[in-house]
Protein backbone atom coordinates (compact mmCIF):
# COMPACT_ATOMS: atom_id res chain seq x y z
CA MET A 1 9.35 -52.43 34.66
CA PRO A 2 12.11 -50.57 32.83
CA ALA A 3 12.74 -47.10 33.96
CA PHE A 4 12.07 -45.61 30.48
CA LEU A 5 8.26 -46.93 30.64
CA SER A 6 6.17 -44.15 31.92
CA SER A 7 2.54 -44.39 33.15
CA PRO A 8 0.22 -43.45 30.11
CA ASP A 9 -2.22 -40.58 30.75
CA ILE A 10 -5.04 -43.37 29.89
CA SER A 11 -5.56 -46.06 32.49
CA SER A 12 -4.92 -48.92 30.17
CA PRO A 13 -5.67 -52.39 31.72
CA ASP A 14 -2.73 -54.82 32.04
CA LEU A 15 -3.02 -58.40 31.09
CA SER A 16 -4.21 -59.76 34.32
CA SER A 17 -6.84 -57.10 34.98
CA ALA A 18 -8.41 -58.14 31.60
CA GLY A 19 -8.33 -61.58 32.70
CA ILE A 20 -5.74 -62.48 30.18
CA SER A 21 -2.48 -64.76 30.99
CA SER A 22 0.66 -65.12 29.07
CA PRO A 23 1.30 -66.61 26.58
CA ALA A 24 -2.05 -67.04 25.39
CA ILE A 25 -2.96 -63.22 25.05
CA SER A 26 -6.10 -62.25 23.31
CA VAL A 27 -8.08 -59.08 23.88
CA GLY A 28 -10.76 -58.07 21.36
CA GLY A 29 -9.05 -59.76 18.38
CA LEU A 30 -5.46 -58.88 19.64
CA SER A 31 -2.79 -61.62 19.98
CA THR A 32 0.71 -61.52 20.97
CA PRO A 33 3.37 -63.96 22.01
CA ASP A 34 4.70 -64.56 25.31
CA PHE A 35 7.31 -61.88 26.47
CA SER A 36 9.30 -63.83 29.05
CA PRO A 37 12.86 -62.50 29.50
CA PRO A 38 15.33 -64.85 27.71
CA SER A 39 17.86 -66.92 29.65
CA THR A 40 19.76 -67.37 26.42
CA ASN A 41 20.05 -65.88 23.13
CA GLU A 42 18.08 -68.62 21.56
CA SER A 43 15.02 -67.84 23.65
CA ALA A 44 14.31 -64.80 21.65
CA THR A 45 13.21 -67.01 18.77
CA LYS A 46 10.23 -68.19 20.84
CA VAL A 47 8.41 -64.80 19.91
CA ASN A 48 6.22 -65.19 16.99
CA PRO A 49 7.05 -62.24 14.88
CA THR A 50 3.95 -62.51 12.55
CA ALA A 51 1.61 -62.49 15.72
CA LEU A 52 3.51 -59.54 17.25
CA ALA A 53 3.40 -57.57 14.09
CA GLN A 54 -0.39 -58.10 13.69
CA THR A 55 -0.85 -56.87 17.30
CA LEU A 56 1.21 -53.67 16.66
CA ILE A 57 -0.57 -52.94 13.39
CA THR A 58 -3.98 -53.41 15.17
CA LEU A 59 -2.88 -50.76 17.95
CA PHE A 60 -0.85 -48.42 15.71
CA GLU A 61 -2.17 -48.79 12.13
CA ALA A 62 -0.36 -50.59 9.24
CA SER A 63 3.21 -49.69 8.42
CA PRO A 64 5.71 -51.54 6.66
CA LEU A 65 8.14 -50.43 9.25
CA ILE A 66 6.17 -52.42 11.97
CA PRO A 67 7.30 -55.93 10.71
CA SER A 68 10.69 -54.73 8.99
CA LYS A 69 12.07 -52.70 11.99
CA LEU A 70 9.87 -52.30 15.06
CA VAL A 71 9.28 -56.08 15.67
CA PRO A 72 13.01 -57.22 15.18
CA GLN A 73 14.00 -54.28 17.65
CA LEU A 74 11.44 -55.54 20.24
CA ILE A 75 12.60 -58.89 19.94
CA ASN A 76 16.15 -58.12 20.08
CA SER A 77 15.77 -55.96 23.12
CA GLN A 78 14.33 -58.76 25.20
CA SER A 79 17.48 -59.01 27.15
CA TYR A 80 16.69 -55.90 28.98
CA PHE A 81 13.00 -55.28 28.37
CA ASP A 82 10.20 -57.60 29.61
CA PRO A 83 6.68 -56.17 28.80
CA THR A 84 4.02 -57.57 30.72
CA SER A 85 1.08 -55.92 29.28
CA TYR A 86 -0.06 -54.36 26.23
CA SER A 87 0.26 -50.87 27.80
CA GLU A 88 3.84 -51.59 28.44
CA LEU A 89 4.33 -53.06 24.89
CA ILE A 90 2.90 -49.62 23.51
CA ASP A 91 5.21 -47.67 25.60
CA ALA A 92 8.32 -49.53 24.63
CA SER A 93 7.44 -49.38 21.05
CA ILE A 94 7.07 -45.75 21.09
CA TYR A 95 10.21 -45.48 23.04
CA LEU A 96 12.12 -47.31 20.10
CA ILE A 97 10.37 -45.40 17.40
CA SER A 98 11.42 -42.30 19.07
CA SER A 99 15.10 -43.25 18.56
CA TRP A 100 14.69 -43.83 14.64
CA PRO A 101 15.88 -41.35 12.29
CA LEU A 102 13.39 -38.53 11.88
CA ASN A 103 12.54 -39.67 8.22
CA LEU A 104 11.47 -43.00 9.63
CA GLN A 105 9.40 -41.59 12.38
CA ALA A 106 7.59 -39.60 9.83
CA GLN A 107 6.89 -42.77 7.67
CA PHE A 108 5.44 -44.41 10.77
CA VAL A 109 3.31 -41.74 11.44
CA ALA A 110 2.03 -41.83 7.85
CA GLY A 111 0.53 -45.21 8.57
CA HIS A 112 -2.47 -43.39 10.31
CA PRO A 113 -5.22 -42.10 8.22
CA ARG A 114 -5.55 -38.40 7.77
CA ILE A 115 -8.02 -36.59 9.90
CA GLY A 116 -11.63 -36.79 8.26
CA GLU A 117 -10.86 -39.59 5.97
CA VAL A 118 -13.88 -41.66 5.23
CA SER A 119 -12.47 -44.43 2.88
CA ASN A 120 -9.75 -47.24 3.19
CA LEU A 121 -9.81 -47.14 6.98
CA SER A 122 -9.11 -49.92 9.35
CA ALA A 123 -11.97 -51.10 11.53
CA LEU A 124 -10.67 -49.18 14.43
CA SER A 125 -10.11 -46.04 12.66
CA ALA A 126 -13.46 -46.11 11.15
CA ALA A 127 -15.08 -46.27 14.57
CA GLU A 128 -12.85 -43.52 15.72
CA GLN A 129 -13.42 -41.20 12.79
CA ALA A 130 -17.16 -41.91 12.78
CA SER A 131 -17.77 -41.37 16.58
CA ARG A 132 -19.46 -38.25 15.85
CA LYS A 133 -21.47 -36.94 12.53
CA THR A 134 -19.50 -34.23 10.65
CA SER A 135 -20.85 -31.87 8.02
CA PRO A 136 -19.61 -31.78 4.46
CA GLU A 137 -18.36 -28.30 4.97
CA VAL A 138 -16.07 -29.56 7.92
CA LEU A 139 -14.86 -32.57 5.87
CA GLN A 140 -14.00 -30.22 2.98
CA ARG A 141 -12.20 -27.90 5.38
CA LEU A 142 -10.20 -30.78 6.66
CA GLU A 143 -9.27 -31.95 3.27
CA TYR A 144 -7.96 -28.40 2.60
CA LEU A 145 -6.12 -28.28 5.92
CA ASN A 146 -4.52 -31.75 5.71
CA ALA A 147 -3.19 -30.60 2.08
CA ALA A 148 -2.05 -27.20 3.63
CA PHE A 149 -0.25 -29.07 6.53
CA GLU A 150 1.52 -31.44 4.19
CA SER A 151 2.74 -28.57 2.20
CA VAL A 152 3.92 -26.62 4.98
CA TYR A 153 5.66 -29.69 6.67
CA PRO A 154 6.76 -31.60 3.76
CA GLY A 155 6.93 -35.54 4.36
CA LEU A 156 4.65 -35.19 7.37
CA ARG A 157 0.97 -36.15 7.96
CA TYR A 158 -1.11 -34.30 10.60
CA ILE A 159 -1.94 -36.74 13.39
CA THR A 160 -3.43 -35.87 16.69
CA PHE A 161 -5.01 -37.70 19.70
CA VAL A 162 -8.70 -36.84 19.09
CA ASN A 163 -9.72 -37.97 22.65
CA GLY A 164 -13.43 -37.43 22.16
CA ARG A 165 -13.29 -34.25 20.17
CA SER A 166 -15.30 -33.46 17.03
CA ARG A 167 -13.72 -33.07 13.57
CA ALA A 168 -14.70 -29.35 13.75
CA GLU A 169 -12.64 -29.01 16.89
CA ILE A 170 -9.69 -30.73 15.17
CA ALA A 171 -10.19 -28.48 12.20
CA ARG A 172 -9.71 -25.40 14.59
CA GLU A 173 -6.62 -26.92 16.17
CA MET A 174 -5.28 -27.52 12.70
CA GLU A 175 -5.89 -23.79 11.83
CA VAL A 176 -4.04 -22.52 14.93
CA LYS A 177 -1.14 -24.80 14.00
CA LEU A 178 -0.92 -23.32 10.47
CA GLU A 179 -1.73 -19.95 11.45
CA ILE A 180 -4.66 -19.55 8.83
CA HIS A 181 -7.81 -19.64 10.97
CA ASP A 182 -10.84 -19.12 8.78
CA GLU A 183 -8.96 -18.19 5.82
CA THR A 184 -8.20 -20.41 2.71
CA PRO A 185 -4.97 -19.10 1.05
CA GLU A 186 -3.63 -20.83 -1.87
CA ILE A 187 -1.67 -23.71 -0.49
CA GLU A 188 1.44 -22.64 -2.90
CA SER A 189 1.63 -19.29 -1.07
CA LEU A 190 2.10 -20.99 2.55
CA PRO A 191 5.65 -20.85 3.98
CA VAL A 192 7.29 -24.33 4.03
CA ILE A 193 9.15 -25.71 7.07
CA PRO A 194 12.20 -27.49 5.81
CA ARG A 195 13.08 -30.96 7.29
CA ASP A 196 16.23 -29.47 9.02
CA ASP A 197 14.10 -26.99 10.97
CA PRO A 198 13.53 -27.71 14.74
CA GLU A 199 9.97 -27.07 14.27
CA TRP A 200 9.63 -29.99 11.74
CA GLU A 201 11.47 -32.12 14.09
CA ALA A 202 9.35 -31.10 17.12
CA GLU A 203 6.17 -31.79 14.97
CA VAL A 204 7.44 -35.31 14.04
CA ARG A 205 8.09 -36.15 17.75
CA ARG A 206 4.79 -34.81 18.83
CA ALA A 207 3.04 -36.79 16.35
CA VAL A 208 4.78 -40.04 17.34
CA GLN A 209 3.71 -39.41 20.91
CA ASP A 210 0.08 -38.78 19.82
CA VAL A 211 0.08 -42.17 18.03
CA GLY A 212 1.17 -43.75 21.35
CA LYS A 213 -1.91 -41.97 23.15
CA ILE A 214 -4.08 -43.23 20.30
CA ALA A 215 -2.78 -46.90 20.89
CA HIS A 216 -3.44 -46.61 24.51
CA ALA A 217 -7.07 -45.37 23.93
CA ARG A 218 -7.72 -48.30 21.36
CA LEU A 219 -6.29 -50.85 24.03
CA PHE A 220 -8.70 -49.39 26.71
CA THR A 221 -11.66 -49.69 24.19
CA LEU A 222 -10.76 -53.05 23.14
CA ALA A 223 -10.28 -54.48 26.73
CA SER A 224 -13.59 -52.99 27.77
CA GLN A 225 -15.37 -54.58 24.95
CA ALA A 226 -13.87 -57.95 25.70
CA GLN A 227 -14.84 -57.58 29.41
CA GLU A 228 -18.27 -56.78 28.41
CA GLU A 229 -18.48 -59.59 26.28
CA ARG A 230 -17.31 -62.00 28.88
CA LYS A 231 -20.11 -60.62 31.29
CA SER A 232 -22.80 -61.47 28.66
């Protein structure tokens, strides 16, 4: 495994533990091509870009940057990168995304729905967002906090690894981030963090890492579901 791939916090199963062998990889609807290290430049063409893009969209949410930038980078990096599991694929993707210009990282993060959104969600996002019932008051508060965050951090969307927490807990986390607590100041009155500020950059990088954590959690859920289906 390349040195830059670190072990995720979540214990994501590798392909073999999920009973999956390359190149016919399939976990809970995921599919991705074989990633054998190429012996020649031509062997990189064996990867199916469409299948790889769909796998990454399932794990990361839809973003035009996945087929246009991330997939070509992954394919072109095969000479030194050889993922043998979905977990490694996630880590390698986050590694590459973290090297992009900050504006592109922000665009990638924006592929995720806002916390508290209830419409136009992917199946996985809908399941994650609906894991606990949320009062209308909390949803209204989240709507305000999302707008406030996007005003304070122009060009960014607030993304966090929920990890089983309620929406009310996430609302409190956002209040701490914005330093507004139980107040509801006019959004226009909030300070703006410019894009060239280190705090803006740190927020982008944190969000990208949390997208990776969300992807690992999704992988674990999908693999667990697939294993249960095989038992039944």
